[in-house]
Amino acid sequence: MTHQGFMRTGQMAEFLGRSKDWLKQRKGTVFKEGVHYYQKPGDSEPFWDVGAMVEWVRNGDRSEAAKEVLETVLQ
């Protein structure tokens, strides 16, 4: 199912027990390009990083949001 630690959207949605639309709605907001997924130019569907998504499940959205808040406060 995985190839070098990446899945396509349908595979990742099934892996997480969510819908493809759920993932697509959070792409670019909750899930960051270059962290959670990678989109090749001209490719209509991203590659989802399995390790990053597993970490997101374990830590929730809080870890990414907390980092952004701390960076803002510490500047």
PDB file of N, CA and C in Angstrom:
ATOM      1  N   MET A   1       0.821  -1.201   0.000  1.00  0.00           N
ATOM      2  CA  MET A   1       0.000   0.000   0.000  1.00  0.00           C
ATOM      3  C   MET A   1       0.861   1.260   0.000  1.00  0.00           C
ATOM      4  N   THR A   2       1.970   1.253   0.682  1.00  0.00           N
ATOM      5  CA  THR A   2       2.832   2.434   0.688  1.00  0.00           C
ATOM      6  C   THR A   2       3.996   2.228  -0.258  1.00  0.00           C
ATOM      7  N   HIS A   3       4.520   3.288  -0.738  1.00  0.00           N
ATOM      8  CA  HIS A   3       5.709   3.267  -1.580  1.00  0.00           C
ATOM      9  C   HIS A   3       6.659   4.310  -1.036  1.00  0.00           C
ATOM     10  N   GLN A   4       7.734   3.866  -0.424  1.00  0.00           N
ATOM     11  CA  GLN A   4       8.730   4.754   0.170  1.00  0.00           C
ATOM     12  C   GLN A   4       8.127   5.731   1.174  1.00  0.00           C
ATOM     13  N   GLY A   5       7.105   5.289   1.908  1.00  0.00           N
ATOM     14  CA  GLY A   5       6.537   6.116   2.958  1.00  0.00           C
ATOM     15  C   GLY A   5       5.526   7.145   2.510  1.00  0.00           C
ATOM     16  N   PHE A   6       5.003   7.000   1.308  1.00  0.00           N
ATOM     17  CA  PHE A   6       4.022   7.950   0.804  1.00  0.00           C
ATOM     18  C   PHE A   6       2.774   7.232   0.327  1.00  0.00           C
ATOM     19  N   MET A   7       1.639   7.922   0.415  1.00  0.00           N
ATOM     20  CA  MET A   7       0.360   7.402  -0.066  1.00  0.00           C
ATOM     21  C   MET A   7      -0.325   8.490  -0.882  1.00  0.00           C
ATOM     22  N   ARG A   8      -1.174   8.072  -1.774  1.00  0.00           N
ATOM     23  CA  ARG A   8      -2.033   9.006  -2.497  1.00  0.00           C
ATOM     24  C   ARG A   8      -3.226   9.330  -1.601  1.00  0.00           C
ATOM     25  N   THR A   9      -4.028  10.292  -1.986  1.00  0.00           N
ATOM     26  CA  THR A   9      -5.109  10.803  -1.147  1.00  0.00           C
ATOM     27  C   THR A   9      -6.100   9.718  -0.734  1.00  0.00           C
ATOM     28  N   GLY A  10      -6.536   8.893  -1.672  1.00  0.00           N
ATOM     29  CA  GLY A  10      -7.487   7.830  -1.346  1.00  0.00           C
ATOM     30  C   GLY A  10      -6.926   6.832  -0.351  1.00  0.00           C
ATOM     31  N   GLN A  11      -5.660   6.492  -0.523  1.00  0.00           N
ATOM     32  CA  GLN A  11      -5.005   5.560   0.400  1.00  0.00           C
ATOM     33  C   GLN A  11      -4.879   6.175   1.792  1.00  0.00           C
ATOM     34  N   MET A  12      -4.474   7.446   1.838  1.00  0.00           N
ATOM     35  CA  MET A  12      -4.308   8.113   3.133  1.00  0.00           C
ATOM     36  C   MET A  12      -5.647   8.270   3.828  1.00  0.00           C
ATOM     37  N   ALA A  13      -6.683   8.610   3.083  1.00  0.00           N
ATOM     38  CA  ALA A  13      -8.018   8.748   3.680  1.00  0.00           C
ATOM     39  C   ALA A  13      -8.454   7.428   4.295  1.00  0.00           C
ATOM     40  N   GLU A  14      -8.246   6.340   3.586  1.00  0.00           N
ATOM     41  CA  GLU A  14      -8.608   5.021   4.109  1.00  0.00           C
ATOM     42  C   GLU A  14      -7.777   4.687   5.334  1.00  0.00           C
ATOM     43  N   PHE A  15      -6.490   4.978   5.283  1.00  0.00           N
ATOM     44  CA  PHE A  15      -5.567   4.733   6.389  1.00  0.00           C
ATOM     45  C   PHE A  15      -6.019   5.459   7.656  1.00  0.00           C
ATOM     46  N   LEU A  16      -6.489   6.705   7.495  1.00  0.00           N
ATOM     47  CA  LEU A  16      -6.919   7.519   8.637  1.00  0.00           C
ATOM     48  C   LEU A  16      -8.374   7.288   9.030  1.00  0.00           C
ATOM     49  N   GLY A  17      -9.106   6.581   8.181  1.00  0.00           N
ATOM     50  CA  GLY A  17     -10.527   6.381   8.461  1.00  0.00           C
ATOM     51  C   GLY A  17     -11.345   7.635   8.200  1.00  0.00           C
ATOM     52  N   ARG A  18     -10.904   8.423   7.247  1.00  0.00           N
ATOM     53  CA  ARG A  18     -11.587   9.666   6.885  1.00  0.00           C
ATOM     54  C   ARG A  18     -11.919   9.629   5.395  1.00  0.00           C
ATOM     55  N   SER A  19     -12.604  10.651   4.918  1.00  0.00           N
ATOM     56  CA  SER A  19     -12.924  10.723   3.495  1.00  0.00           C
ATOM     57  C   SER A  19     -11.840  11.506   2.751  1.00  0.00           C
ATOM     58  N   LYS A  20     -11.802  11.329   1.436  1.00  0.00           N
ATOM     59  CA  LYS A  20     -10.879  12.103   0.607  1.00  0.00           C
ATOM     60  C   LYS A  20     -11.191  13.586   0.736  1.00  0.00           C
ATOM     61  N   ASP A  21     -12.483  13.929   0.777  1.00  0.00           N
ATOM     62  CA  ASP A  21     -12.869  15.335   0.906  1.00  0.00           C
ATOM     63  C   ASP A  21     -12.371  15.936   2.216  1.00  0.00           C
ATOM     64  N   TRP A  22     -12.399  15.158   3.284  1.00  0.00           N
ATOM     65  CA  TRP A  22     -11.911  15.628   4.589  1.00  0.00           C
ATOM     66  C   TRP A  22     -10.449  16.038   4.474  1.00  0.00           C
ATOM     67  N   LEU A  23      -9.656  15.199   3.817  1.00  0.00           N
ATOM     68  CA  LEU A  23      -8.237  15.532   3.628  1.00  0.00           C
ATOM     69  C   LEU A  23      -8.077  16.762   2.745  1.00  0.00           C
ATOM     70  N   LYS A  24      -8.794  16.785   1.640  1.00  0.00           N
ATOM     71  CA  LYS A  24      -8.674  17.893   0.696  1.00  0.00           C
ATOM     72  C   LYS A  24      -9.056  19.229   1.328  1.00  0.00           C
ATOM     73  N   GLN A  25     -10.067  19.231   2.188  1.00  0.00           N
ATOM     74  CA  GLN A  25     -10.508  20.462   2.846  1.00  0.00           C
ATOM     75  C   GLN A  25      -9.454  21.004   3.810  1.00  0.00           C
ATOM     76  N   ARG A  26      -8.604  20.148   4.317  1.00  0.00           N
ATOM     77  CA  ARG A  26      -7.596  20.557   5.304  1.00  0.00           C
ATOM     78  C   ARG A  26      -6.207  20.740   4.696  1.00  0.00           C
ATOM     79  N   LYS A  27      -6.086  20.443   3.404  1.00  0.00           N
ATOM     80  CA  LYS A  27      -4.817  20.593   2.692  1.00  0.00           C
ATOM     81  C   LYS A  27      -4.484  22.075   2.596  1.00  0.00           C
ATOM     82  N   GLY A  28      -3.305  22.441   3.058  1.00  0.00           N
ATOM     83  CA  GLY A  28      -2.887  23.840   3.018  1.00  0.00           C
ATOM     84  C   GLY A  28      -3.222  24.614   4.278  1.00  0.00           C
ATOM     85  N   THR A  29      -4.035  24.036   5.153  1.00  0.00           N
ATOM     86  CA  THR A  29      -4.357  24.699   6.428  1.00  0.00           C
ATOM     87  C   THR A  29      -3.846  23.834   7.573  1.00  0.00           C
ATOM     88  N   VAL A  30      -4.570  22.784   7.896  1.00  0.00           N
ATOM     89  CA  VAL A  30      -4.136  21.863   8.949  1.00  0.00           C
ATOM     90  C   VAL A  30      -2.909  21.092   8.481  1.00  0.00           C
ATOM     91  N   PHE A  31      -2.958  20.625   7.242  1.00  0.00           N
ATOM     92  CA  PHE A  31      -1.854  19.853   6.679  1.00  0.00           C
ATOM     93  C   PHE A  31      -1.044  20.750   5.757  1.00  0.00           C
ATOM     94  N   LYS A  32       0.245  20.853   6.040  1.00  0.00           N
ATOM     95  CA  LYS A  32       1.121  21.778   5.331  1.00  0.00           C
ATOM     96  C   LYS A  32       1.895  21.089   4.216  1.00  0.00           C
ATOM     97  N   GLU A  33       1.948  21.773   3.070  1.00  0.00           N
ATOM     98  CA  GLU A  33       2.762  21.270   1.963  1.00  0.00           C
ATOM     99  C   GLU A  33       4.229  21.299   2.380  1.00  0.00           C
ATOM    100  N   GLY A  34       4.945  20.244   2.065  1.00  0.00           N
ATOM    101  CA  GLY A  34       6.345  20.129   2.452  1.00  0.00           C
ATOM    102  C   GLY A  34       6.531  19.503   3.817  1.00  0.00           C
ATOM    103  N   VAL A  35       5.439  19.310   4.544  1.00  0.00           N
ATOM    104  CA  VAL A  35       5.477  18.637   5.846  1.00  0.00           C
ATOM    105  C   VAL A  35       4.617  17.377   5.776  1.00  0.00           C
ATOM    106  N   HIS A  36       3.336  17.574   5.559  1.00  0.00           N
ATOM    107  CA  HIS A  36       2.387  16.457   5.531  1.00  0.00           C
ATOM    108  C   HIS A  36       2.186  15.884   4.134  1.00  0.00           C
ATOM    109  N   TYR A  37       2.353  16.710   3.133  1.00  0.00           N
ATOM    110  CA  TYR A  37       2.169  16.252   1.755  1.00  0.00           C
ATOM    111  C   TYR A  37       3.089  17.019   0.807  1.00  0.00           C
ATOM    112  N   TYR A  38       3.295  16.418  -0.361  1.00  0.00           N
ATOM    113  CA  TYR A  38       4.126  17.004  -1.402  1.00  0.00           C
ATOM    114  C   TYR A  38       3.353  16.949  -2.713  1.00  0.00           C
ATOM    115  N   GLN A  39       3.336  18.056  -3.411  1.00  0.00           N
ATOM    116  CA  GLN A  39       2.590  18.149  -4.660  1.00  0.00           C
ATOM    117  C   GLN A  39       3.566  18.487  -5.776  1.00  0.00           C
ATOM    118  N   LYS A  40       3.706  17.563  -6.724  1.00  0.00           N
ATOM    119  CA  LYS A  40       4.575  17.802  -7.869  1.00  0.00           C
ATOM    120  C   LYS A  40       3.875  18.755  -8.841  1.00  0.00           C
ATOM    121  N   PRO A  41       4.617  19.651  -9.457  1.00  0.00           N
ATOM    122  CA  PRO A  41       4.006  20.544 -10.452  1.00  0.00           C
ATOM    123  C   PRO A  41       3.313  19.736 -11.550  1.00  0.00           C
ATOM    124  N   GLY A  42       2.095  20.115 -11.856  1.00  0.00           N
ATOM    125  CA  GLY A  42       1.325  19.434 -12.888  1.00  0.00           C
ATOM    126  C   GLY A  42       0.631  18.167 -12.433  1.00  0.00           C
ATOM    127  N   ASP A  43       0.876  17.748 -11.201  1.00  0.00           N
ATOM    128  CA  ASP A  43       0.237  16.543 -10.663  1.00  0.00           C
ATOM    129  C   ASP A  43      -1.022  16.960  -9.913  1.00  0.00           C
ATOM    130  N   SER A  44      -2.134  16.355 -10.233  1.00  0.00           N
ATOM    131  CA  SER A  44      -3.404  16.765  -9.631  1.00  0.00           C
ATOM    132  C   SER A  44      -3.591  16.243  -8.214  1.00  0.00           C
ATOM    133  N   GLU A  45      -2.822  15.262  -7.823  1.00  0.00           N
ATOM    134  CA  GLU A  45      -3.008  14.647  -6.511  1.00  0.00           C
ATOM    135  C   GLU A  45      -1.679  14.627  -5.760  1.00  0.00           C
ATOM    136  N   PRO A  46      -1.681  15.024  -4.480  1.00  0.00           N
ATOM    137  CA  PRO A  46      -0.433  15.050  -3.719  1.00  0.00           C
ATOM    138  C   PRO A  46      -0.020  13.661  -3.229  1.00  0.00           C
ATOM    139  N   PHE A  47       1.214  13.586  -2.819  1.00  0.00           N
ATOM    140  CA  PHE A  47       1.732  12.422  -2.106  1.00  0.00           C
ATOM    141  C   PHE A  47       1.721  12.783  -0.625  1.00  0.00           C
ATOM    142  N   TRP A  48       1.074  11.959   0.192  1.00  0.00           N
ATOM    143  CA  TRP A  48       0.978  12.202   1.630  1.00  0.00           C
ATOM    144  C   TRP A  48       2.096  11.448   2.335  1.00  0.00           C
ATOM    145  N   ASP A  49       2.794  12.127   3.229  1.00  0.00           N
ATOM    146  CA  ASP A  49       3.894  11.537   3.987  1.00  0.00           C
ATOM    147  C   ASP A  49       3.317  10.729   5.149  1.00  0.00           C
ATOM    148  N   VAL A  50       3.490   9.419   5.087  1.00  0.00           N
ATOM    149  CA  VAL A  50       2.895   8.528   6.089  1.00  0.00           C
ATOM    150  C   VAL A  50       3.426   8.852   7.483  1.00  0.00           C
ATOM    151  N   GLY A  51       4.726   9.036   7.632  1.00  0.00           N
ATOM    152  CA  GLY A  51       5.316   9.326   8.942  1.00  0.00           C
ATOM    153  C   GLY A  51       4.792  10.614   9.546  1.00  0.00           C
ATOM    154  N   ALA A  52       4.677  11.652   8.720  1.00  0.00           N
ATOM    155  CA  ALA A  52       4.172  12.942   9.209  1.00  0.00           C
ATOM    156  C   ALA A  52       2.710  12.836   9.617  1.00  0.00           C
ATOM    157  N   MET A  53       1.948  12.055   8.863  1.00  0.00           N
ATOM    158  CA  MET A  53       0.529  11.902   9.190  1.00  0.00           C
ATOM    159  C   MET A  53       0.341  11.062  10.447  1.00  0.00           C
ATOM    160  N   VAL A  54       1.159  10.052  10.639  1.00  0.00           N
ATOM    161  CA  VAL A  54       1.090   9.252  11.873  1.00  0.00           C
ATOM    162  C   VAL A  54       1.440  10.133  13.067  1.00  0.00           C
ATOM    163  N   GLU A  55       2.452  10.974  12.912  1.00  0.00           N
ATOM    164  CA  GLU A  55       2.812  11.899  13.991  1.00  0.00           C
ATOM    165  C   GLU A  55       1.673  12.866  14.282  1.00  0.00           C
ATOM    166  N   TRP A  56       1.001  13.349  13.239  1.00  0.00           N
ATOM    167  CA  TRP A  56      -0.134  14.246  13.432  1.00  0.00           C
ATOM    168  C   TRP A  56      -1.240  13.545  14.224  1.00  0.00           C
ATOM    169  N   VAL A  57      -1.505  12.288  13.917  1.00  0.00           N
ATOM    170  CA  VAL A  57      -2.530  11.532  14.650  1.00  0.00           C
ATOM    171  C   VAL A  57      -2.129  11.411  16.114  1.00  0.00           C
ATOM    172  N   ARG A  58      -0.875  11.114  16.356  1.00  0.00           N
ATOM    173  CA  ARG A  58      -0.404  10.939  17.745  1.00  0.00           C
ATOM    174  C   ARG A  58      -0.419  12.241  18.531  1.00  0.00           C
ATOM    175  N   ASN A  59      -0.024  13.339  17.886  1.00  0.00           N
ATOM    176  CA  ASN A  59       0.115  14.612  18.584  1.00  0.00           C
ATOM    177  C   ASN A  59      -1.023  15.580  18.323  1.00  0.00           C
ATOM    178  N   GLY A  60      -1.846  15.277  17.353  1.00  0.00           N
ATOM    179  CA  GLY A  60      -2.941  16.169  17.014  1.00  0.00           C
ATOM    180  C   GLY A  60      -2.451  17.431  16.362  1.00  0.00           C
ATOM    181  N   ASP A  61      -3.361  18.299  16.058  1.00  0.00           N
ATOM    182  CA  ASP A  61      -3.041  19.568  15.417  1.00  0.00           C
ATOM    183  C   ASP A  61      -2.332  20.501  16.390  1.00  0.00           C
ATOM    184  N   ARG A  62      -2.427  20.198  17.661  1.00  0.00           N
ATOM    185  CA  ARG A  62      -1.878  21.093  18.681  1.00  0.00           C
ATOM    186  C   ARG A  62      -0.392  21.342  18.507  1.00  0.00           C
ATOM    187  N   SER A  63       0.376  20.320  18.136  1.00  0.00           N
ATOM    188  CA  SER A  63       1.815  20.497  18.054  1.00  0.00           C
ATOM    189  C   SER A  63       2.186  21.558  17.021  1.00  0.00           C
ATOM    190  N   GLU A  64       1.576  21.535  15.855  1.00  0.00           N
ATOM    191  CA  GLU A  64       1.868  22.517  14.807  1.00  0.00           C
ATOM    192  C   GLU A  64       1.367  23.899  15.218  1.00  0.00           C
ATOM    193  N   ALA A  65       0.169  23.971  15.756  1.00  0.00           N
ATOM    194  CA  ALA A  65      -0.387  25.250  16.196  1.00  0.00           C
ATOM    195  C   ALA A  65       0.443  25.820  17.342  1.00  0.00           C
ATOM    196  N   ALA A  66       0.866  24.980  18.257  1.00  0.00           N
ATOM    197  CA  ALA A  66       1.675  25.433  19.391  1.00  0.00           C
ATOM    198  C   ALA A  66       2.998  26.012  18.918  1.00  0.00           C
ATOM    199  N   LYS A  67       3.618  25.375  17.937  1.00  0.00           N
ATOM    200  CA  LYS A  67       4.876  25.877  17.397  1.00  0.00           C
ATOM    201  C   LYS A  67       4.697  27.272  16.817  1.00  0.00           C
ATOM    202  N   GLU A  68       3.635  27.462  16.068  1.00  0.00           N
ATOM    203  CA  GLU A  68       3.396  28.764  15.434  1.00  0.00           C
ATOM    204  C   GLU A  68       3.138  29.844  16.479  1.00  0.00           C
ATOM    205  N   VAL A  69       2.406  29.529  17.521  1.00  0.00           N
ATOM    206  CA  VAL A  69       2.141  30.495  18.595  1.00  0.00           C
ATOM    207  C   VAL A  69       3.435  30.838  19.312  1.00  0.00           C
ATOM    208  N   LEU A  70       4.217  29.823  19.656  1.00  0.00           N
ATOM    209  CA  LEU A  70       5.488  30.066  20.350  1.00  0.00           C
ATOM    210  C   LEU A  70       6.432  30.896  19.499  1.00  0.00           C
ATOM    211  N   GLU A  71       6.521  30.621  18.227  1.00  0.00           N
ATOM    212  CA  GLU A  71       7.393  31.408  17.359  1.00  0.00           C
ATOM    213  C   GLU A  71       6.965  32.869  17.326  1.00  0.00           C
ATOM    214  N   THR A  72       5.665  33.124  17.306  1.00  0.00           N
ATOM    215  CA  THR A  72       5.144  34.488  17.298  1.00  0.00           C
ATOM    216  C   THR A  72       5.458  35.202  18.601  1.00  0.00           C
ATOM    217  N   VAL A  73       5.253  34.521  19.709  1.00  0.00           N
ATOM    218  CA  VAL A  73       5.476  35.117  21.039  1.00  0.00           C
ATOM    219  C   VAL A  73       6.957  35.383  21.277  1.00  0.00           C
ATOM    220  N   LEU A  74       7.804  34.486  20.820  1.00  0.00           N
ATOM    221  CA  LEU A  74       9.239  34.615  21.101  1.00  0.00           C
ATOM    222  C   LEU A  74       9.960  35.591  20.169  1.00  0.00           C
ATOM    223  N   GLN A  75       9.283  36.117  19.174  1.00  0.00           N
ATOM    224  CA  GLN A  75       9.938  37.061  18.251  1.00  0.00           C
ATOM    225  C   GLN A  75      10.014  38.434  18.821  1.00  0.00           C
TER     226      GLN A  75
END
